[in-house]
Amino acid sequence: MKNIYYNQTIELLTGKPEGMKLCVIARHIFNANNDLFADEDLYLQIYGQLKRFLYRQSKLKQSPFKACKKWGYYGIRKSVAVQFELPFDDFQYDGIEPKKTAKPVKVEQPNLFGW
């Protein structure tokens, strides 16, 4: 089961190996998805959705989320966090060569100005 804020939650938690408090995660997501004059009830809805979602997901073994040692803190499992990192430093392109553009052929056409 995915939450509508699943990708944003993953993004936030990948930078914090020690985890983040639930209210901080909810505030980040609220600020990212709303303008300055958004209703406070929307924050409470986001907080409630994340609270239920992260609590359920932290109990599952295959979930990327885990409950941290501190109460109300959630983080990402180390095994899952390693999967998110893609090494692009020494990547070799096998057999893919960029297309060579053909040189434009200059065609002499008569014009009215004699250039």
PDB file of N, CA and C in Angstrom:
ATOM      1  N   MET A   1       0.835  -1.176   0.000  1.00  0.00           N
ATOM      2  CA  MET A   1       0.000   0.000   0.000  1.00  0.00           C
ATOM      3  C   MET A   1       0.884   1.245   0.000  1.00  0.00           C
ATOM      4  N   LYS A   2       0.612   2.138  -0.910  1.00  0.00           N
ATOM      5  CA  LYS A   2       1.380   3.369  -0.993  1.00  0.00           C
ATOM      6  C   LYS A   2       0.525   4.546  -0.545  1.00  0.00           C
ATOM      7  N   ASN A   3       1.164   5.478   0.078  1.00  0.00           N
ATOM      8  CA  ASN A   3       0.548   6.725   0.473  1.00  0.00           C
ATOM      9  C   ASN A   3       0.786   7.737  -0.646  1.00  0.00           C
ATOM     10  N   ILE A   4      -0.044   8.780  -0.717  1.00  0.00           N
ATOM     11  CA  ILE A   4       0.161   9.767  -1.781  1.00  0.00           C
ATOM     12  C   ILE A   4       1.439  10.578  -1.550  1.00  0.00           C
ATOM     13  N   TYR A   5       1.958  10.546  -0.337  1.00  0.00           N
ATOM     14  CA  TYR A   5       3.193  11.263  -0.025  1.00  0.00           C
ATOM     15  C   TYR A   5       4.378  10.303   0.116  1.00  0.00           C
ATOM     16  N   TYR A   6       4.259   9.126  -0.452  1.00  0.00           N
ATOM     17  CA  TYR A   6       5.282   8.075  -0.313  1.00  0.00           C
ATOM     18  C   TYR A   6       6.646   8.554  -0.815  1.00  0.00           C
ATOM     19  N   ASN A   7       6.684   9.092  -2.033  1.00  0.00           N
ATOM     20  CA  ASN A   7       7.970   9.500  -2.624  1.00  0.00           C
ATOM     21  C   ASN A   7       8.606  10.648  -1.846  1.00  0.00           C
ATOM     22  N   GLN A   8       7.796  11.584  -1.389  1.00  0.00           N
ATOM     23  CA  GLN A   8       8.351  12.699  -0.624  1.00  0.00           C
ATOM     24  C   GLN A   8       8.883  12.229   0.728  1.00  0.00           C
ATOM     25  N   THR A   9       8.212  11.275   1.321  1.00  0.00           N
ATOM     26  CA  THR A   9       8.675  10.736   2.597  1.00  0.00           C
ATOM     27  C   THR A   9      10.004  10.004   2.418  1.00  0.00           C
ATOM     28  N   ILE A  10      10.118   9.235   1.358  1.00  0.00           N
ATOM     29  CA  ILE A  10      11.385   8.546   1.059  1.00  0.00           C
ATOM     30  C   ILE A  10      12.503   9.570   0.855  1.00  0.00           C
ATOM     31  N   GLU A  11      12.213  10.624   0.108  1.00  0.00           N
ATOM     32  CA  GLU A  11      13.211  11.671  -0.150  1.00  0.00           C
ATOM     33  C   GLU A  11      13.706  12.306   1.137  1.00  0.00           C
ATOM     34  N   LEU A  12      12.783  12.619   2.026  1.00  0.00           N
ATOM     35  CA  LEU A  12      13.156  13.258   3.287  1.00  0.00           C
ATOM     36  C   LEU A  12      14.009  12.336   4.154  1.00  0.00           C
ATOM     37  N   LEU A  13      13.625  11.094   4.223  1.00  0.00           N
ATOM     38  CA  LEU A  13      14.284  10.186   5.153  1.00  0.00           C
ATOM     39  C   LEU A  13      15.607   9.630   4.640  1.00  0.00           C
ATOM     40  N   THR A  14      15.872   9.691   3.340  1.00  0.00           N
ATOM     41  CA  THR A  14      17.155   9.178   2.840  1.00  0.00           C
ATOM     42  C   THR A  14      18.318  10.042   3.316  1.00  0.00           C
ATOM     43  N   GLY A  15      18.084  11.312   3.543  1.00  0.00           N
ATOM     44  CA  GLY A  15      19.149  12.191   4.014  1.00  0.00           C
ATOM     45  C   GLY A  15      19.382  12.127   5.505  1.00  0.00           C
ATOM     46  N   LYS A  16      18.522  11.445   6.244  1.00  0.00           N
ATOM     47  CA  LYS A  16      18.628  11.386   7.701  1.00  0.00           C
ATOM     48  C   LYS A  16      18.728   9.936   8.179  1.00  0.00           C
ATOM     49  N   PRO A  17      19.925   9.402   8.363  1.00  0.00           N
ATOM     50  CA  PRO A  17      20.046   8.007   8.794  1.00  0.00           C
ATOM     51  C   PRO A  17      19.526   7.769  10.208  1.00  0.00           C
ATOM     52  N   GLU A  18      19.509   8.817  11.049  1.00  0.00           N
ATOM     53  CA  GLU A  18      19.019   8.643  12.413  1.00  0.00           C
ATOM     54  C   GLU A  18      17.500   8.755  12.500  1.00  0.00           C
ATOM     55  N   GLY A  19      16.852   9.133  11.410  1.00  0.00           N
ATOM     56  CA  GLY A  19      15.397   9.234  11.378  1.00  0.00           C
ATOM     57  C   GLY A  19      14.935  10.656  11.647  1.00  0.00           C
ATOM     58  N   MET A  20      13.647  10.865  11.473  1.00  0.00           N
ATOM     59  CA  MET A  20      13.044  12.182  11.716  1.00  0.00           C
ATOM     60  C   MET A  20      11.768  12.000  12.518  1.00  0.00           C
ATOM     61  N   LYS A  21      11.433  13.008  13.291  1.00  0.00           N
ATOM     62  CA  LYS A  21      10.205  12.971  14.065  1.00  0.00           C
ATOM     63  C   LYS A  21       9.020  13.112  13.109  1.00  0.00           C
ATOM     64  N   LEU A  22       7.934  12.462  13.427  1.00  0.00           N
ATOM     65  CA  LEU A  22       6.764  12.424  12.557  1.00  0.00           C
ATOM     66  C   LEU A  22       6.213  13.815  12.280  1.00  0.00           C
ATOM     67  N   CYS A  23       6.174  14.681  13.288  1.00  0.00           N
ATOM     68  CA  CYS A  23       5.622  16.022  13.065  1.00  0.00           C
ATOM     69  C   CYS A  23       6.506  16.838  12.116  1.00  0.00           C
ATOM     70  N   VAL A  24       7.811  16.594  12.117  1.00  0.00           N
ATOM     71  CA  VAL A  24       8.727  17.291  11.205  1.00  0.00           C
ATOM     72  C   VAL A  24       8.512  16.808   9.769  1.00  0.00           C
ATOM     73  N   ILE A  25       8.330  15.504   9.608  1.00  0.00           N
ATOM     74  CA  ILE A  25       8.057  14.946   8.275  1.00  0.00           C
ATOM     75  C   ILE A  25       6.751  15.522   7.736  1.00  0.00           C
ATOM     76  N   ALA A  26       5.728  15.547   8.577  1.00  0.00           N
ATOM     77  CA  ALA A  26       4.428  16.073   8.157  1.00  0.00           C
ATOM     78  C   ALA A  26       4.517  17.550   7.797  1.00  0.00           C
ATOM     79  N   ARG A  27       5.288  18.329   8.561  1.00  0.00           N
ATOM     80  CA  ARG A  27       5.422  19.763   8.282  1.00  0.00           C
ATOM     81  C   ARG A  27       6.153  19.986   6.960  1.00  0.00           C
ATOM     82  N   HIS A  28       7.192  19.207   6.692  1.00  0.00           N
ATOM     83  CA  HIS A  28       7.914  19.313   5.416  1.00  0.00           C
ATOM     84  C   HIS A  28       6.979  19.026   4.241  1.00  0.00           C
ATOM     85  N   ILE A  29       6.223  17.974   4.342  1.00  0.00           N
ATOM     86  CA  ILE A  29       5.320  17.590   3.255  1.00  0.00           C
ATOM     87  C   ILE A  29       4.208  18.609   3.098  1.00  0.00           C
ATOM     88  N   PHE A  30       3.696  19.118   4.203  1.00  0.00           N
ATOM     89  CA  PHE A  30       2.658  20.153   4.157  1.00  0.00           C
ATOM     90  C   PHE A  30       3.177  21.401   3.453  1.00  0.00           C
ATOM     91  N   ASN A  31       4.380  21.843   3.807  1.00  0.00           N
ATOM     92  CA  ASN A  31       4.951  23.051   3.195  1.00  0.00           C
ATOM     93  C   ASN A  31       5.288  22.842   1.718  1.00  0.00           C
ATOM     94  N   ALA A  32       5.662  21.633   1.347  1.00  0.00           N
ATOM     95  CA  ALA A  32       6.022  21.362  -0.041  1.00  0.00           C
ATOM     96  C   ALA A  32       4.796  21.326  -0.952  1.00  0.00           C
ATOM     97  N   ASN A  33       3.642  20.971  -0.417  1.00  0.00           N
ATOM     98  CA  ASN A  33       2.455  20.789  -1.245  1.00  0.00           C
ATOM     99  C   ASN A  33       1.429  21.909  -1.144  1.00  0.00           C
ATOM    100  N   ASN A  34       1.660  22.903  -0.309  1.00  0.00           N
ATOM    101  CA  ASN A  34       0.662  23.943  -0.103  1.00  0.00           C
ATOM    102  C   ASN A  34       1.288  25.321  -0.130  1.00  0.00           C
ATOM    103  N   ASP A  35       0.442  26.313  -0.270  1.00  0.00           N
ATOM    104  CA  ASP A  35       0.921  27.684  -0.295  1.00  0.00           C
ATOM    105  C   ASP A  35       0.932  28.258   1.121  1.00  0.00           C
ATOM    106  N   LEU A  36       1.228  29.549   1.216  1.00  0.00           N
ATOM    107  CA  LEU A  36       1.388  30.213   2.498  1.00  0.00           C
ATOM    108  C   LEU A  36       0.090  30.301   3.287  1.00  0.00           C
ATOM    109  N   PHE A  37      -1.033  30.368   2.594  1.00  0.00           N
ATOM    110  CA  PHE A  37      -2.307  30.594   3.264  1.00  0.00           C
ATOM    111  C   PHE A  37      -3.168  29.336   3.326  1.00  0.00           C
ATOM    112  N   ALA A  38      -2.547  28.185   3.394  1.00  0.00           N
ATOM    113  CA  ALA A  38      -3.292  26.927   3.470  1.00  0.00           C
ATOM    114  C   ALA A  38      -3.900  26.769   4.860  1.00  0.00           C
ATOM    115  N   ASP A  39      -4.940  25.988   4.913  1.00  0.00           N
ATOM    116  CA  ASP A  39      -5.669  25.765   6.149  1.00  0.00           C
ATOM    117  C   ASP A  39      -4.893  24.823   7.069  1.00  0.00           C
ATOM    118  N   GLU A  40      -4.958  25.084   8.391  1.00  0.00           N
ATOM    119  CA  GLU A  40      -4.257  24.242   9.357  1.00  0.00           C
ATOM    120  C   GLU A  40      -4.876  22.847   9.447  1.00  0.00           C
ATOM    121  N   ASP A  41      -6.141  22.726   9.084  1.00  0.00           N
ATOM    122  CA  ASP A  41      -6.779  21.406   9.103  1.00  0.00           C
ATOM    123  C   ASP A  41      -6.118  20.454   8.112  1.00  0.00           C
ATOM    124  N   LEU A  42      -5.614  21.008   7.013  1.00  0.00           N
ATOM    125  CA  LEU A  42      -4.926  20.172   6.029  1.00  0.00           C
ATOM    126  C   LEU A  42      -3.656  19.575   6.622  1.00  0.00           C
ATOM    127  N   TYR A  43      -2.957  20.346   7.458  1.00  0.00           N
ATOM    128  CA  TYR A  43      -1.774  19.813   8.127  1.00  0.00           C
ATOM    129  C   TYR A  43      -2.157  18.643   9.025  1.00  0.00           C
ATOM    130  N   LEU A  44      -3.238  18.777   9.746  1.00  0.00           N
ATOM    131  CA  LEU A  44      -3.677  17.699  10.629  1.00  0.00           C
ATOM    132  C   LEU A  44      -4.073  16.452   9.847  1.00  0.00           C
ATOM    133  N   GLN A  45      -4.649  16.647   8.659  1.00  0.00           N
ATOM    134  CA  GLN A  45      -4.984  15.501   7.811  1.00  0.00           C
ATOM    135  C   GLN A  45      -3.720  14.795   7.333  1.00  0.00           C
ATOM    136  N   ILE A  46      -2.738  15.582   6.877  1.00  0.00           N
ATOM    137  CA  ILE A  46      -1.470  15.007   6.414  1.00  0.00           C
ATOM    138  C   ILE A  46      -0.785  14.282   7.574  1.00  0.00           C
ATOM    139  N   TYR A  47      -0.783  14.902   8.748  1.00  0.00           N
ATOM    140  CA  TYR A  47      -0.165  14.287   9.924  1.00  0.00           C
ATOM    141  C   TYR A  47      -0.842  12.960  10.261  1.00  0.00           C
ATOM    142  N   GLY A  48      -2.162  12.934  10.226  1.00  0.00           N
ATOM    143  CA  GLY A  48      -2.898  11.712  10.531  1.00  0.00           C
ATOM    144  C   GLY A  48      -2.633  10.609   9.514  1.00  0.00           C
ATOM    145  N   GLN A  49      -2.611  10.979   8.227  1.00  0.00           N
ATOM    146  CA  GLN A  49      -2.329   9.987   7.182  1.00  0.00           C
ATOM    147  C   GLN A  49      -0.930   9.395   7.349  1.00  0.00           C
ATOM    148  N   LEU A  50       0.056  10.275   7.572  1.00  0.00           N
ATOM    149  CA  LEU A  50       1.432   9.794   7.731  1.00  0.00           C
ATOM    150  C   LEU A  50       1.597   8.952   8.991  1.00  0.00           C
ATOM    151  N   LYS A  51       0.916   9.349  10.054  1.00  0.00           N
ATOM    152  CA  LYS A  51       1.013   8.611  11.315  1.00  0.00           C
ATOM    153  C   LYS A  51       0.528   7.174  11.142  1.00  0.00           C
ATOM    154  N   ARG A  52      -0.636   7.031  10.521  1.00  0.00           N
ATOM    155  CA  ARG A  52      -1.184   5.686  10.299  1.00  0.00           C
ATOM    156  C   ARG A  52      -0.329   4.899   9.304  1.00  0.00           C
ATOM    157  N   PHE A  53       0.078   5.564   8.225  1.00  0.00           N
ATOM    158  CA  PHE A  53       0.850   4.897   7.187  1.00  0.00           C
ATOM    159  C   PHE A  53       2.199   4.410   7.717  1.00  0.00           C
ATOM    160  N   LEU A  54       2.957   5.312   8.363  1.00  0.00           N
ATOM    161  CA  LEU A  54       4.288   4.937   8.842  1.00  0.00           C
ATOM    162  C   LEU A  54       4.216   3.913   9.971  1.00  0.00           C
ATOM    163  N   TYR A  55       3.192   3.985  10.814  1.00  0.00           N
ATOM    164  CA  TYR A  55       3.047   2.995  11.875  1.00  0.00           C
ATOM    165  C   TYR A  55       2.830   1.604  11.290  1.00  0.00           C
ATOM    166  N   ARG A  56       1.931   1.505  10.305  1.00  0.00           N
ATOM    167  CA  ARG A  56       1.667   0.204   9.687  1.00  0.00           C
ATOM    168  C   ARG A  56       2.874  -0.308   8.913  1.00  0.00           C
ATOM    169  N   GLN A  57       3.519   0.591   8.171  1.00  0.00           N
ATOM    170  CA  GLN A  57       4.656   0.178   7.349  1.00  0.00           C
ATOM    171  C   GLN A  57       5.862  -0.218   8.191  1.00  0.00           C
ATOM    172  N   SER A  58       6.048   0.413   9.331  1.00  0.00           N
ATOM    173  CA  SER A  58       7.209   0.091  10.167  1.00  0.00           C
ATOM    174  C   SER A  58       7.094  -1.302  10.774  1.00  0.00           C
ATOM    175  N   LYS A  59       5.903  -1.870  10.808  1.00  0.00           N
ATOM    176  CA  LYS A  59       5.707  -3.216  11.347  1.00  0.00           C
ATOM    177  C   LYS A  59       6.013  -4.309  10.314  1.00  0.00           C
ATOM    178  N   LEU A  60       6.018  -3.954   9.034  1.00  0.00           N
ATOM    179  CA  LEU A  60       6.255  -4.933   7.978  1.00  0.00           C
ATOM    180  C   LEU A  60       7.752  -5.121   7.738  1.00  0.00           C
ATOM    181  N   LYS A  61       8.162  -6.349   7.471  1.00  0.00           N
ATOM    182  CA  LYS A  61       9.582  -6.646   7.219  1.00  0.00           C
ATOM    183  C   LYS A  61      10.053  -6.109   5.869  1.00  0.00           C
ATOM    184  N   GLN A  62       9.196  -6.162   4.837  1.00  0.00           N
ATOM    185  CA  GLN A  62       9.606  -5.765   3.493  1.00  0.00           C
ATOM    186  C   GLN A  62       9.441  -4.263   3.241  1.00  0.00           C
ATOM    187  N   SER A  63       8.966  -3.542   4.219  1.00  0.00           N
ATOM    188  CA  SER A  63       8.748  -2.107   4.064  1.00  0.00           C
ATOM    189  C   SER A  63      10.076  -1.350   4.172  1.00  0.00           C
ATOM    190  N   PRO A  64      10.223  -0.236   3.462  1.00  0.00           N
ATOM    191  CA  PRO A  64      11.455   0.544   3.586  1.00  0.00           C
ATOM    192  C   PRO A  64      11.516   1.369   4.868  1.00  0.00           C
ATOM    193  N   PHE A  65      10.392   1.527   5.576  1.00  0.00           N
ATOM    194  CA  PHE A  65      10.340   2.373   6.765  1.00  0.00           C
ATOM    195  C   PHE A  65      10.528   1.549   8.030  1.00  0.00           C
ATOM    196  N   LYS A  66      11.127   2.178   9.032  1.00  0.00           N
ATOM    197  CA  LYS A  66      11.311   1.526  10.322  1.00  0.00           C
ATOM    198  C   LYS A  66      11.046   2.540  11.427  1.00  0.00           C
ATOM    199  N   ALA A  67      10.637   2.035  12.578  1.00  0.00           N
ATOM    200  CA  ALA A  67      10.490   2.879  13.760  1.00  0.00           C
ATOM    201  C   ALA A  67      11.857   2.963  14.430  1.00  0.00           C
ATOM    202  N   CYS A  68      12.281   4.160  14.765  1.00  0.00           N
ATOM    203  CA  CYS A  68      13.589   4.337  15.394  1.00  0.00           C
ATOM    204  C   CYS A  68      13.475   4.134  16.905  1.00  0.00           C
ATOM    205  N   LYS A  69      14.593   4.247  17.599  1.00  0.00           N
ATOM    206  CA  LYS A  69      14.607   4.017  19.043  1.00  0.00           C
ATOM    207  C   LYS A  69      13.816   5.081  19.800  1.00  0.00           C
ATOM    208  N   LYS A  70      13.875   6.309  19.330  1.00  0.00           N
ATOM    209  CA  LYS A  70      13.125   7.381  19.987  1.00  0.00           C
ATOM    210  C   LYS A  70      11.656   7.276  19.608  1.00  0.00           C
ATOM    211  N   TRP A  71      10.809   7.652  20.518  1.00  0.00           N
ATOM    212  CA  TRP A  71       9.369   7.591  20.299  1.00  0.00           C
ATOM    213  C   TRP A  71       8.959   8.644  19.269  1.00  0.00           C
ATOM    214  N   GLY A  72       8.208   8.230  18.244  1.00  0.00           N
ATOM    215  CA  GLY A  72       7.713   9.155  17.227  1.00  0.00           C
ATOM    216  C   GLY A  72       8.683   9.413  16.089  1.00  0.00           C
ATOM    217  N   TYR A  73       9.811   8.749  16.084  1.00  0.00           N
ATOM    218  CA  TYR A  73      10.809   8.918  15.026  1.00  0.00           C
ATOM    219  C   TYR A  73      10.713   7.753  14.049  1.00  0.00           C
ATOM    220  N   TYR A  74      10.849   8.072  12.776  1.00  0.00           N
ATOM    221  CA  TYR A  74      10.831   7.053  11.728  1.00  0.00           C
ATOM    222  C   TYR A  74      12.021   7.269  10.814  1.00  0.00           C
ATOM    223  N   GLY A  75      12.534   6.179  10.286  1.00  0.00           N
ATOM    224  CA  GLY A  75      13.676   6.234   9.383  1.00  0.00           C
ATOM    225  C   GLY A  75      13.529   5.205   8.281  1.00  0.00           C
ATOM    226  N   ILE A  76      14.615   5.036   7.524  1.00  0.00           N
ATOM    227  CA  ILE A  76      14.630   4.068   6.423  1.00  0.00           C
ATOM    228  C   ILE A  76      15.593   2.952   6.796  1.00  0.00           C
ATOM    229  N   ARG A  77      15.202   1.731   6.490  1.00  0.00           N
ATOM    230  CA  ARG A  77      16.066   0.580   6.753  1.00  0.00           C
ATOM    231  C   ARG A  77      17.335   0.697   5.909  1.00  0.00           C
ATOM    232  N   LYS A  78      18.448   0.289   6.468  1.00  0.00           N
ATOM    233  CA  LYS A  78      19.734   0.420   5.769  1.00  0.00           C
ATOM    234  C   LYS A  78      19.771  -0.382   4.480  1.00  0.00           C
ATOM    235  N   SER A  79      19.176  -1.552   4.479  1.00  0.00           N
ATOM    236  CA  SER A  79      19.205  -2.388   3.280  1.00  0.00           C
ATOM    237  C   SER A  79      18.457  -1.723   2.125  1.00  0.00           C
ATOM    238  N   VAL A  80      17.404  -1.010   2.437  1.00  0.00           N
ATOM    239  CA  VAL A  80      16.624  -0.333   1.399  1.00  0.00           C
ATOM    240  C   VAL A  80      17.324   0.941   0.955  1.00  0.00           C
ATOM    241  N   ALA A  81      17.941   1.638   1.889  1.00  0.00           N
ATOM    242  CA  ALA A  81      18.624   2.885   1.546  1.00  0.00           C
ATOM    243  C   ALA A  81      19.773   2.633   0.583  1.00  0.00           C
ATOM    244  N   VAL A  82      20.442   1.500   0.705  1.00  0.00           N
ATOM    245  CA  VAL A  82      21.541   1.165  -0.207  1.00  0.00           C
ATOM    246  C   VAL A  82      20.998   0.927  -1.612  1.00  0.00           C
ATOM    247  N   GLN A  83      19.803   0.363  -1.730  1.00  0.00           N
ATOM    248  CA  GLN A  83      19.218   0.105  -3.041  1.00  0.00           C
ATOM    249  C   GLN A  83      18.878   1.390  -3.770  1.00  0.00           C
ATOM    250  N   PHE A  84      18.591   2.468  -3.047  1.00  0.00           N
ATOM    251  CA  PHE A  84      18.216   3.724  -3.673  1.00  0.00           C
ATOM    252  C   PHE A  84      19.400   4.445  -4.295  1.00  0.00           C
ATOM    253  N   GLU A  85      20.620   4.143  -3.839  1.00  0.00           N
ATOM    254  CA  GLU A  85      21.804   4.815  -4.342  1.00  0.00           C
ATOM    255  C   GLU A  85      22.278   4.137  -5.626  1.00  0.00           C
ATOM    256  N   LEU A  86      22.282   4.866  -6.703  1.00  0.00           N
ATOM    257  CA  LEU A  86      22.748   4.334  -7.985  1.00  0.00           C
ATOM    258  C   LEU A  86      24.124   4.908  -8.290  1.00  0.00           C
ATOM    259  N   PRO A  87      25.117   4.072  -8.519  1.00  0.00           N
ATOM    260  CA  PRO A  87      26.461   4.577  -8.788  1.00  0.00           C
ATOM    261  C   PRO A  87      26.604   5.004 -10.260  1.00  0.00           C
ATOM    262  N   PHE A  88      26.670   6.280 -10.491  1.00  0.00           N
ATOM    263  CA  PHE A  88      26.838   6.788 -11.853  1.00  0.00           C
ATOM    264  C   PHE A  88      28.270   7.247 -12.117  1.00  0.00           C
ATOM    265  N   ASP A  89      29.171   7.075 -11.164  1.00  0.00           N
ATOM    266  CA  ASP A  89      30.535   7.577 -11.323  1.00  0.00           C
ATOM    267  C   ASP A  89      31.305   6.839 -12.418  1.00  0.00           C
ATOM    268  N   ASP A  90      31.294   5.524 -12.381  1.00  0.00           N
ATOM    269  CA  ASP A  90      32.075   4.727 -13.327  1.00  0.00           C
ATOM    270  C   ASP A  90      31.178   3.964 -14.289  1.00  0.00           C
ATOM    271  N   PHE A  91      30.099   4.563 -14.685  1.00  0.00           N
ATOM    272  CA  PHE A  91      29.147   3.876 -15.545  1.00  0.00           C
ATOM    273  C   PHE A  91      29.679   3.849 -16.974  1.00  0.00           C
ATOM    274  N   GLN A  92      29.670   2.661 -17.589  1.00  0.00           N
ATOM    275  CA  GLN A  92      30.133   2.495 -18.962  1.00  0.00           C
ATOM    276  C   GLN A  92      28.925   2.286 -19.877  1.00  0.00           C
ATOM    277  N   TYR A  93      28.871   3.016 -20.934  1.00  0.00           N
ATOM    278  CA  TYR A  93      27.811   2.844 -21.913  1.00  0.00           C
ATOM    279  C   TYR A  93      28.240   1.762 -22.889  1.00  0.00           C
ATOM    280  N   ASP A  94      27.522   0.682 -22.945  1.00  0.00           N
ATOM    281  CA  ASP A  94      27.881  -0.454 -23.794  1.00  0.00           C
ATOM    282  C   ASP A  94      27.216  -0.341 -25.161  1.00  0.00           C
ATOM    283  N   GLY A  95      28.006  -0.084 -26.159  1.00  0.00           N
ATOM    284  CA  GLY A  95      27.511  -0.114 -27.529  1.00  0.00           C
ATOM    285  C   GLY A  95      26.589   1.025 -27.921  1.00  0.00           C
ATOM    286  N   ILE A  96      26.431   1.983 -27.096  1.00  0.00           N
ATOM    287  CA  ILE A  96      25.556   3.100 -27.447  1.00  0.00           C
ATOM    288  C   ILE A  96      26.445   4.277 -27.839  1.00  0.00           C
ATOM    289  N   GLU A  97      26.321   4.647 -29.065  1.00  0.00           N
ATOM    290  CA  GLU A  97      27.086   5.789 -29.553  1.00  0.00           C
ATOM    291  C   GLU A  97      26.107   6.887 -29.947  1.00  0.00           C
ATOM    292  N   PRO A  98      26.487   8.108 -29.706  1.00  0.00           N
ATOM    293  CA  PRO A  98      25.574   9.185 -30.092  1.00  0.00           C
ATOM    294  C   PRO A  98      25.435   9.260 -31.611  1.00  0.00           C
ATOM    295  N   LYS A  99      24.275   9.628 -32.047  1.00  0.00           N
ATOM    296  CA  LYS A  99      24.038   9.734 -33.487  1.00  0.00           C
ATOM    297  C   LYS A  99      24.825  10.908 -34.041  1.00  0.00           C
ATOM    298  N   LYS A 100      25.414  10.663 -35.174  1.00  0.00           N
ATOM    299  CA  LYS A 100      26.154  11.723 -35.838  1.00  0.00           C
ATOM    300  C   LYS A 100      25.184  12.471 -36.742  1.00  0.00           C
ATOM    301  N   THR A 101      25.200  13.751 -36.582  1.00  0.00           N
ATOM    302  CA  THR A 101      24.301  14.555 -37.411  1.00  0.00           C
ATOM    303  C   THR A 101      24.945  14.781 -38.778  1.00  0.00           C
ATOM    304  N   ALA A 102      24.151  14.679 -39.782  1.00  0.00           N
ATOM    305  CA  ALA A 102      24.643  14.890 -41.143  1.00  0.00           C
ATOM    306  C   ALA A 102      24.880  16.386 -41.358  1.00  0.00           C
ATOM    307  N   LYS A 103      25.951  16.683 -42.066  1.00  0.00           N
ATOM    308  CA  LYS A 103      26.234  18.085 -42.353  1.00  0.00           C
ATOM    309  C   LYS A 103      25.217  18.591 -43.371  1.00  0.00           C
ATOM    310  N   PRO A 104      24.705  19.749 -43.137  1.00  0.00           N
ATOM    311  CA  PRO A 104      23.722  20.267 -44.097  1.00  0.00           C
ATOM    312  C   PRO A 104      24.389  20.557 -45.441  1.00  0.00           C
ATOM    313  N   VAL A 105      23.730  20.186 -46.492  1.00  0.00           N
ATOM    314  CA  VAL A 105      24.240  20.404 -47.839  1.00  0.00           C
ATOM    315  C   VAL A 105      23.829  21.808 -48.252  1.00  0.00           C
ATOM    316  N   LYS A 106      24.840  22.587 -48.677  1.00  0.00           N
ATOM    317  CA  LYS A 106      24.548  23.952 -49.083  1.00  0.00           C
ATOM    318  C   LYS A 106      24.132  23.930 -50.553  1.00  0.00           C
ATOM    319  N   VAL A 107      22.934  24.362 -50.777  1.00  0.00           N
ATOM    320  CA  VAL A 107      22.392  24.355 -52.125  1.00  0.00           C
ATOM    321  C   VAL A 107      22.357  25.797 -52.623  1.00  0.00           C
ATOM    322  N   GLU A 108      22.937  25.993 -53.784  1.00  0.00           N
ATOM    323  CA  GLU A 108      22.926  27.323 -54.383  1.00  0.00           C
ATOM    324  C   GLU A 108      21.595  27.536 -55.102  1.00  0.00           C
ATOM    325  N   GLN A 109      20.865  28.505 -54.635  1.00  0.00           N
ATOM    326  CA  GLN A 109      19.614  28.831 -55.273  1.00  0.00           C
ATOM    327  C   GLN A 109      19.669  30.292 -55.708  1.00  0.00           C
ATOM    328  N   PRO A 110      19.071  30.579 -56.808  1.00  0.00           N
ATOM    329  CA  PRO A 110      19.082  31.990 -57.249  1.00  0.00           C
ATOM    330  C   PRO A 110      18.183  32.825 -56.325  1.00  0.00           C
ATOM    331  N   ASN A 111      18.649  34.058 -56.113  1.00  0.00           N
ATOM    332  CA  ASN A 111      17.813  34.967 -55.349  1.00  0.00           C
ATOM    333  C   ASN A 111      17.695  36.279 -56.083  1.00  0.00           C
ATOM    334  N   LEU A 112      16.807  37.105 -55.639  1.00  0.00           N
ATOM    335  CA  LEU A 112      16.516  38.358 -56.328  1.00  0.00           C
ATOM    336  C   LEU A 112      17.532  39.441 -56.039  1.00  0.00           C
ATOM    337  N   PHE A 113      18.286  39.295 -54.986  1.00  0.00           N
ATOM    338  CA  PHE A 113      19.179  40.374 -54.559  1.00  0.00           C
ATOM    339  C   PHE A 113      20.600  40.194 -55.044  1.00  0.00           C
ATOM    340  N   GLY A 114      20.957  39.059 -55.600  1.00  0.00           N
ATOM    341  CA  GLY A 114      22.279  38.840 -56.162  1.00  0.00           C
ATOM    342  C   GLY A 114      23.360  38.621 -55.146  1.00  0.00           C
ATOM    343  N   TRP A 115      23.044  38.134 -54.028  1.00  0.00           N
ATOM    344  CA  TRP A 115      24.077  37.881 -53.008  1.00  0.00           C
ATOM    345  C   TRP A 115      24.798  36.633 -53.313  1.00  0.00           C
TER     346      TRP A 115
END
